[in-house]
Amino acid sequence: SSGINAEWPLRPGKKKESILDLAPYLEKRMRVKFNGGREASGVLKGYDALLNLVLDGATEYLKESEETIKTGQKTRQLGLVVCRGTNIVTVCPQDGIEQISNPFVQPE
């Protein structure tokens, strides 16, 4: 035996199911946070079971650094992008975002 599993790429009936249904959010502006702290928003054009996202008209929100302070630039236009699902931390609709107080903080 050569150790090669000929059935591996075929696996009928083992299609990976998405853990999140983003269909209601297609064609809506979404905000995405990534590992490492980067953030972007754009119109959701597509997604797959691995949560890879396609955003159109994407804008990256730049973290404050010496360069952004010097230039005053807080965003960068990216256009059409594919966001790799393994790097995504959160996905939420851009419209309707509001900051709330932390419900887990105990009053002193």
C-alpha atoms as a PDB file:
ATOM      1  CA  SER A   1       0.000   0.000   0.000  1.00  0.00           C
ATOM      2  CA  SER A   2       1.317   3.452  -0.954  1.00  0.00           C
ATOM      3  CA  GLY A   3      -0.472   5.194   1.918  1.00  0.00           C
ATOM      4  CA  ILE A   4      -2.522   7.342  -0.489  1.00  0.00           C
ATOM      5  CA  ASN A   5      -6.225   7.523   0.302  1.00  0.00           C
ATOM      6  CA  ALA A   6      -7.957   7.594  -3.084  1.00  0.00           C
ATOM      7  CA  GLU A   7     -11.337   8.326  -1.481  1.00  0.00           C
ATOM      8  CA  TRP A   8     -10.182  11.456   0.322  1.00  0.00           C
ATOM      9  CA  PRO A   9     -11.077  14.136  -2.265  1.00  0.00           C
ATOM     10  CA  LEU A  10     -14.333  12.431  -3.263  1.00  0.00           C
ATOM     11  CA  ARG A  11     -16.191  11.923   0.066  1.00  0.00           C
ATOM     12  CA  PRO A  12     -19.791  12.004  -1.188  1.00  0.00           C
ATOM     13  CA  GLY A  13     -22.307  13.399   1.286  1.00  0.00           C
ATOM     14  CA  LYS A  14     -19.648  15.047   3.476  1.00  0.00           C
ATOM     15  CA  LYS A  15     -20.329  18.614   2.321  1.00  0.00           C
ATOM     16  CA  LYS A  16     -19.363  21.117   4.992  1.00  0.00           C
ATOM     17  CA  GLU A  17     -22.370  23.019   6.304  1.00  0.00           C
ATOM     18  CA  SER A  18     -22.126  26.676   7.209  1.00  0.00           C
ATOM     19  CA  ILE A  19     -22.475  27.440  10.910  1.00  0.00           C
ATOM     20  CA  LEU A  20     -23.946  30.838  10.059  1.00  0.00           C
ATOM     21  CA  ASP A  21     -26.637  31.784   7.550  1.00  0.00           C
ATOM     22  CA  LEU A  22     -25.658  35.123   6.021  1.00  0.00           C
ATOM     23  CA  ALA A  23     -28.248  34.971   3.203  1.00  0.00           C
ATOM     24  CA  PRO A  24     -30.477  37.671   4.782  1.00  0.00           C
ATOM     25  CA  TYR A  25     -27.466  40.018   4.753  1.00  0.00           C
ATOM     26  CA  LEU A  26     -26.543  39.677   1.076  1.00  0.00           C
ATOM     27  CA  GLU A  27     -26.375  43.107  -0.605  1.00  0.00           C
ATOM     28  CA  LYS A  28     -26.209  44.792   2.816  1.00  0.00           C
ATOM     29  CA  ARG A  29     -23.248  46.663   4.316  1.00  0.00           C
ATOM     30  CA  MET A  30     -21.402  44.524   6.857  1.00  0.00           C
ATOM     31  CA  ARG A  31     -18.642  45.305   9.353  1.00  0.00           C
ATOM     32  CA  VAL A  32     -15.942  42.630   9.750  1.00  0.00           C
ATOM     33  CA  LYS A  33     -13.255  42.381  12.434  1.00  0.00           C
ATOM     34  CA  PHE A  34     -10.161  40.252  11.821  1.00  0.00           C
ATOM     35  CA  ASN A  35      -7.475  38.550  13.890  1.00  0.00           C
ATOM     36  CA  GLY A  36      -4.826  41.154  14.655  1.00  0.00           C
ATOM     37  CA  GLY A  37      -7.364  43.940  15.112  1.00  0.00           C
ATOM     38  CA  ARG A  38      -8.022  45.052  11.531  1.00  0.00           C
ATOM     39  CA  GLU A  39     -11.549  46.136  10.637  1.00  0.00           C
ATOM     40  CA  ALA A  40     -13.319  46.612   7.333  1.00  0.00           C
ATOM     41  CA  SER A  41     -16.818  47.175   6.013  1.00  0.00           C
ATOM     42  CA  GLY A  42     -18.407  46.588   2.649  1.00  0.00           C
ATOM     43  CA  VAL A  43     -21.458  45.256   0.846  1.00  0.00           C
ATOM     44  CA  LEU A  44     -21.730  41.477   1.275  1.00  0.00           C
ATOM     45  CA  LYS A  45     -21.782  39.925  -2.203  1.00  0.00           C
ATOM     46  CA  GLY A  46     -21.180  36.302  -1.292  1.00  0.00           C
ATOM     47  CA  TYR A  47     -19.956  33.781   1.288  1.00  0.00           C
ATOM     48  CA  ASP A  48     -19.291  30.067   1.637  1.00  0.00           C
ATOM     49  CA  ALA A  49     -19.458  27.354   4.310  1.00  0.00           C
ATOM     50  CA  LEU A  50     -15.973  28.283   5.578  1.00  0.00           C
ATOM     51  CA  LEU A  51     -17.175  31.874   6.141  1.00  0.00           C
ATOM     52  CA  ASN A  52     -14.987  33.305   3.390  1.00  0.00           C
ATOM     53  CA  LEU A  53     -16.710  36.587   2.511  1.00  0.00           C
ATOM     54  CA  VAL A  54     -16.777  38.692  -0.641  1.00  0.00           C
ATOM     55  CA  LEU A  55     -17.214  42.395   0.118  1.00  0.00           C
ATOM     56  CA  ASP A  56     -17.668  45.077  -2.527  1.00  0.00           C
ATOM     57  CA  GLY A  57     -16.839  48.732  -1.989  1.00  0.00           C
ATOM     58  CA  ALA A  58     -14.793  47.700   1.040  1.00  0.00           C
ATOM     59  CA  THR A  59     -13.253  50.246   3.386  1.00  0.00           C
ATOM     60  CA  GLU A  60     -10.523  49.395   5.900  1.00  0.00           C
ATOM     61  CA  TYR A  61     -10.549  51.288   9.193  1.00  0.00           C
ATOM     62  CA  LEU A  62      -6.931  52.064  10.016  1.00  0.00           C
ATOM     63  CA  LYS A  63      -5.619  51.705  13.558  1.00  0.00           C
ATOM     64  CA  GLU A  64      -4.091  54.808  15.077  1.00  0.00           C
ATOM     65  CA  SER A  65      -0.355  54.934  14.398  1.00  0.00           C
ATOM     66  CA  GLU A  66       2.315  57.584  13.854  1.00  0.00           C
ATOM     67  CA  GLU A  67       1.610  57.506  10.111  1.00  0.00           C
ATOM     68  CA  THR A  68      -2.179  57.855  10.428  1.00  0.00           C
ATOM     69  CA  ILE A  69      -1.766  60.680  12.935  1.00  0.00           C
ATOM     70  CA  LYS A  70       0.654  62.430  10.562  1.00  0.00           C
ATOM     71  CA  THR A  71      -1.553  62.020   7.473  1.00  0.00           C
ATOM     72  CA  GLY A  72      -4.910  62.280   9.245  1.00  0.00           C
ATOM     73  CA  GLN A  73      -6.081  59.260   7.235  1.00  0.00           C
ATOM     74  CA  LYS A  74      -8.489  57.048   9.194  1.00  0.00           C
ATOM     75  CA  THR A  75      -9.756  54.822   6.360  1.00  0.00           C
ATOM     76  CA  ARG A  76      -8.469  53.230   3.169  1.00  0.00           C
ATOM     77  CA  GLN A  77     -10.618  52.242   0.179  1.00  0.00           C
ATOM     78  CA  LEU A  78     -10.067  48.611  -0.851  1.00  0.00           C
ATOM     79  CA  GLY A  79     -12.799  47.987  -3.452  1.00  0.00           C
ATOM     80  CA  LEU A  80     -13.755  44.340  -4.084  1.00  0.00           C
ATOM     81  CA  VAL A  81     -12.133  41.976  -1.565  1.00  0.00           C
ATOM     82  CA  VAL A  82     -12.269  38.351  -0.447  1.00  0.00           C
ATOM     83  CA  CYS A  83     -11.988  37.967   3.331  1.00  0.00           C
ATOM     84  CA  ARG A  84     -10.633  34.618   4.440  1.00  0.00           C
ATOM     85  CA  GLY A  85     -12.943  33.002   6.973  1.00  0.00           C
ATOM     86  CA  THR A  86     -10.158  31.680   9.198  1.00  0.00           C
ATOM     87  CA  ASN A  87      -9.072  35.264   9.952  1.00  0.00           C
ATOM     88  CA  ILE A  88     -12.527  36.635  10.760  1.00  0.00           C
ATOM     89  CA  VAL A  89     -13.383  37.265  14.409  1.00  0.00           C
ATOM     90  CA  THR A  90     -16.773  38.999  14.095  1.00  0.00           C
ATOM     91  CA  VAL A  91     -19.271  39.831  11.360  1.00  0.00           C
ATOM     92  CA  CYS A  92     -22.161  42.215  11.955  1.00  0.00           C
ATOM     93  CA  PRO A  93     -24.471  44.462   9.938  1.00  0.00           C
ATOM     94  CA  GLN A  94     -23.110  48.011   9.596  1.00  0.00           C
ATOM     95  CA  ASP A  95     -26.571  49.540   9.992  1.00  0.00           C
ATOM     96  CA  GLY A  96     -27.965  49.307  13.472  1.00  0.00           C
ATOM     97  CA  ILE A  97     -24.649  49.096  15.312  1.00  0.00           C
ATOM     98  CA  GLU A  98     -24.809  50.915  18.605  1.00  0.00           C
ATOM     99  CA  GLN A  99     -22.434  50.834  21.531  1.00  0.00           C
ATOM    100  CA  ILE A 100     -23.954  49.543  24.744  1.00  0.00           C
ATOM    101  CA  SER A 101     -22.583  49.335  28.267  1.00  0.00           C
ATOM    102  CA  ASN A 102     -21.065  46.019  29.293  1.00  0.00           C
ATOM    103  CA  PRO A 103     -23.870  43.989  30.948  1.00  0.00           C
ATOM    104  CA  PHE A 104     -21.308  41.822  32.812  1.00  0.00           C
ATOM    105  CA  VAL A 105     -19.613  44.618  34.749  1.00  0.00           C
ATOM    106  CA  GLN A 106     -20.755  44.621  38.366  1.00  0.00           C
ATOM    107  CA  PRO A 107     -21.566  48.054  39.833  1.00  0.00           C
ATOM    108  CA  GLU A 108     -19.147  49.051  42.583  1.00  0.00           C
END
